[in-house]
C-alpha atoms as a PDB file:
ATOM      1  CA  MET A   1     -17.426  -1.715 -26.031  1.00  0.00           C
ATOM      2  CA  SER A   2     -13.707  -1.367 -25.876  1.00  0.00           C
ATOM      3  CA  GLY A   3     -12.923  -5.059 -26.197  1.00  0.00           C
ATOM      4  CA  THR A   4     -10.735  -5.024 -23.098  1.00  0.00           C
ATOM      5  CA  LYS A   5     -10.631  -8.362 -21.324  1.00  0.00           C
ATOM      6  CA  VAL A   6     -10.033  -8.479 -17.593  1.00  0.00           C
ATOM      7  CA  ASP A   7      -8.655 -11.652 -16.033  1.00  0.00           C
ATOM      8  CA  LEU A   8     -10.236 -11.721 -12.579  1.00  0.00           C
ATOM      9  CA  ASP A   9      -7.676 -14.185 -11.209  1.00  0.00           C
ATOM     10  CA  THR A  10      -4.867 -11.857 -12.252  1.00  0.00           C
ATOM     11  CA  LEU A  11      -6.704  -8.954 -10.637  1.00  0.00           C
ATOM     12  CA  ARG A  12      -7.099 -10.922  -7.388  1.00  0.00           C
ATOM     13  CA  ALA A  13      -3.393 -11.829  -7.464  1.00  0.00           C
ATOM     14  CA  ALA A  14      -2.436  -8.182  -8.014  1.00  0.00           C
ATOM     15  CA  ILE A  15      -4.529  -7.120  -5.025  1.00  0.00           C
ATOM     16  CA  LYS A  16      -2.802  -9.724  -2.840  1.00  0.00           C
ATOM     17  CA  GLU A  17       0.633  -8.569  -4.031  1.00  0.00           C
ATOM     18  CA  TYR A  18      -0.170  -4.934  -3.273  1.00  0.00           C
ATOM     19  CA  GLU A  19      -1.435  -5.943   0.179  1.00  0.00           C
ATOM     20  CA  ALA A  20       1.806  -7.843   0.850  1.00  0.00           C
ATOM     21  CA  ILE A  21       3.897  -4.849  -0.233  1.00  0.00           C
ATOM     22  CA  ARG A  22       1.815  -2.536   1.952  1.00  0.00           C
ATOM     23  CA  GLU A  23       2.375  -4.846   4.925  1.00  0.00           C
ATOM     24  CA  GLU A  24       6.137  -4.814   4.317  1.00  0.00           C
ATOM     25  CA  VAL A  25       6.144  -1.013   4.246  1.00  0.00           C
ATOM     26  CA  ARG A  26       4.127  -0.905   7.462  1.00  0.00           C
ATOM     27  CA  ASN A  27       6.659  -3.226   9.103  1.00  0.00           C
ATOM     28  CA  ALA A  28       9.461  -0.962   7.890  1.00  0.00           C
ATOM     29  CA  GLN A  29       7.664   1.943   9.535  1.00  0.00           C
ATOM     30  CA  LEU A  30       7.662   0.139  12.863  1.00  0.00           C
ATOM     31  CA  THR A  31      11.398  -0.510  12.742  1.00  0.00           C
ATOM     32  CA  GLY A  32      12.018   2.969  11.317  1.00  0.00           C
ATOM     33  CA  ASP A  33      10.330   4.484  14.354  1.00  0.00           C
ATOM     34  CA  ALA A  34      13.659   4.117  16.168  1.00  0.00           C
ATOM     35  CA  LEU A  35      15.197   6.560  13.703  1.00  0.00           C
ATOM     36  CA  VAL A  36      13.149   9.428  15.073  1.00  0.00           C
ATOM     37  CA  LYS A  37      14.307   8.693  18.616  1.00  0.00           C
ATOM     38  CA  VAL A  38      18.052   9.054  18.068  1.00  0.00           C
ATOM     39  CA  GLN A  39      19.729  10.913  20.912  1.00  0.00           C
ATOM     40  CA  SER A  40      23.086  12.562  20.853  1.00  0.00           C
ATOM     41  CA  ALA A  41      25.993  10.704  22.377  1.00  0.00           C
ATOM     42  CA  GLY A  42      26.929  13.749  24.399  1.00  0.00           C
ATOM     43  CA  LYS A  43      26.367  17.452  24.784  1.00  0.00           C
ATOM     44  CA  ASP A  44      29.008  18.340  22.237  1.00  0.00           C
ATOM     45  CA  VAL A  45      27.885  20.081  19.068  1.00  0.00           C
ATOM     46  CA  PRO A  46      28.898  17.335  16.589  1.00  0.00           C
ATOM     47  CA  SER A  47      26.906  14.701  18.533  1.00  0.00           C
ATOM     48  CA  GLN A  48      23.883  16.955  18.716  1.00  0.00           C
ATOM     49  CA  VAL A  49      24.087  17.866  15.027  1.00  0.00           C
ATOM     50  CA  TYR A  50      24.404  14.185  14.070  1.00  0.00           C
ATOM     51  CA  ALA A  51      21.435  13.205  16.243  1.00  0.00           C
ATOM     52  CA  GLN A  52      19.282  15.984  14.789  1.00  0.00           C
ATOM     53  CA  ALA A  53      20.232  14.984  11.241  1.00  0.00           C
ATOM     54  CA  ALA A  54      19.373  11.353  12.005  1.00  0.00           C
ATOM     55  CA  VAL A  55      16.000  12.344  13.469  1.00  0.00           C
ATOM     56  CA  THR A  56      15.241  14.543  10.446  1.00  0.00           C
ATOM     57  CA  ALA A  57      16.160  11.747   8.038  1.00  0.00           C
ATOM     58  CA  GLY A  58      14.068   9.306  10.052  1.00  0.00           C
ATOM     59  CA  ARG A  59      11.044  11.595   9.920  1.00  0.00           C
ATOM     60  CA  MET A  60      11.430  11.990   6.166  1.00  0.00           C
ATOM     61  CA  HIS A  61      11.599   8.216   5.706  1.00  0.00           C
ATOM     62  CA  LEU A  62       8.537   7.686   7.888  1.00  0.00           C
ATOM     63  CA  LYS A  63       6.611  10.338   5.962  1.00  0.00           C
ATOM     64  CA  SER A  64       7.635   8.782   2.653  1.00  0.00           C
ATOM     65  CA  ASN A  65       6.612   5.333   3.875  1.00  0.00           C
ATOM     66  CA  GLN A  66       3.247   6.662   5.032  1.00  0.00           C
ATOM     67  CA  GLN A  67       2.665   8.249   1.637  1.00  0.00           C
ATOM     68  CA  LEU A  68       3.475   4.911   0.010  1.00  0.00           C
ATOM     69  CA  VAL A  69       1.073   3.077   2.355  1.00  0.00           C
ATOM     70  CA  ASP A  70      -1.632   5.619   1.507  1.00  0.00           C
ATOM     71  CA  ALA A  71      -1.022   5.235  -2.239  1.00  0.00           C
ATOM     72  CA  LEU A  72      -1.065   1.442  -1.972  1.00  0.00           C
ATOM     73  CA  THR A  73      -4.271   1.546   0.073  1.00  0.00           C
ATOM     74  CA  THR A  74      -5.935   3.718  -2.563  1.00  0.00           C
ATOM     75  CA  ARG A  75      -4.787   1.379  -5.318  1.00  0.00           C
ATOM     76  CA  ILE A  76      -5.978  -1.688  -3.392  1.00  0.00           C
ATOM     77  CA  ASP A  77      -9.351  -0.059  -2.743  1.00  0.00           C
ATOM     78  CA  ASN A  78      -9.742   0.853  -6.428  1.00  0.00           C
ATOM     79  CA  LEU A  79      -8.753  -2.612  -7.620  1.00  0.00           C
ATOM     80  CA  THR A  80     -11.071  -4.249  -5.090  1.00  0.00           C
ATOM     81  CA  ALA A  81     -13.958  -2.075  -6.252  1.00  0.00           C
ATOM     82  CA  THR A  82     -13.170  -2.929  -9.871  1.00  0.00           C
ATOM     83  CA  LEU A  83     -13.026  -6.626  -9.025  1.00  0.00           C
ATOM     84  CA  GLN A  84     -16.374  -6.480  -7.256  1.00  0.00           C
ATOM     85  CA  GLN A  85     -17.927  -4.642 -10.187  1.00  0.00           C
ATOM     86  CA  TYR A  86     -16.652  -7.231 -12.676  1.00  0.00           C
ATOM     87  CA  GLU A  87     -17.813 -10.100 -10.456  1.00  0.00           C
ATOM     88  CA  GLN A  88     -21.286  -8.590 -10.192  1.00  0.00           C
ATOM     89  CA  THR A  89     -21.413  -8.044 -13.940  1.00  0.00           C
ATOM     90  CA  GLU A  90     -20.240 -11.594 -14.535  1.00  0.00           C
ATOM     91  CA  GLU A  91     -22.919 -12.970 -12.204  1.00  0.00           C
ATOM     92  CA  GLY A  92     -25.547 -10.855 -13.949  1.00  0.00           C
ATOM     93  CA  ASN A  93     -24.416 -12.090 -17.335  1.00  0.00           C
ATOM     94  CA  LYS A  94     -24.625 -15.707 -16.170  1.00  0.00           C
ATOM     95  CA  ALA A  95     -28.133 -15.099 -14.838  1.00  0.00           C
ATOM     96  CA  ASN A  96     -29.197 -13.513 -18.136  1.00  0.00           C
ATOM     97  CA  LEU A  97     -27.764 -16.390 -20.155  1.00  0.00           C
ATOM     98  CA  THR A  98     -29.406 -19.097 -18.052  1.00  0.00           C
ATOM     99  CA  PRO A  99     -32.380 -20.563 -19.924  1.00  0.00           C
ATOM    100  CA  LYS A 100     -35.679 -19.697 -18.334  1.00  0.00           C
ATOM    101  CA  ASP A 101     -38.399 -22.323 -18.049  1.00  0.00           C
END
């Protein structure tokens, strides 16, 4: 045994915090969607170059946000699985420690 103690309430709180952060990033993605729809103000080259640069930057931000959502989802899934495993172990330990008639 490694002697590591896991506080299940802290683990639950961490999962909730990660879920809240993930939701904020998802909301940012929705508002950031407008960045990939920028159109040039006219047919002049500077307007077109600016619009293309804005669209490219918007796509990069959306991709980065999606990668963050994916990473957060993986972390949430792993923490949830860990929490469930500890809860099951804790329940098993309680059952084993309960006096039998």
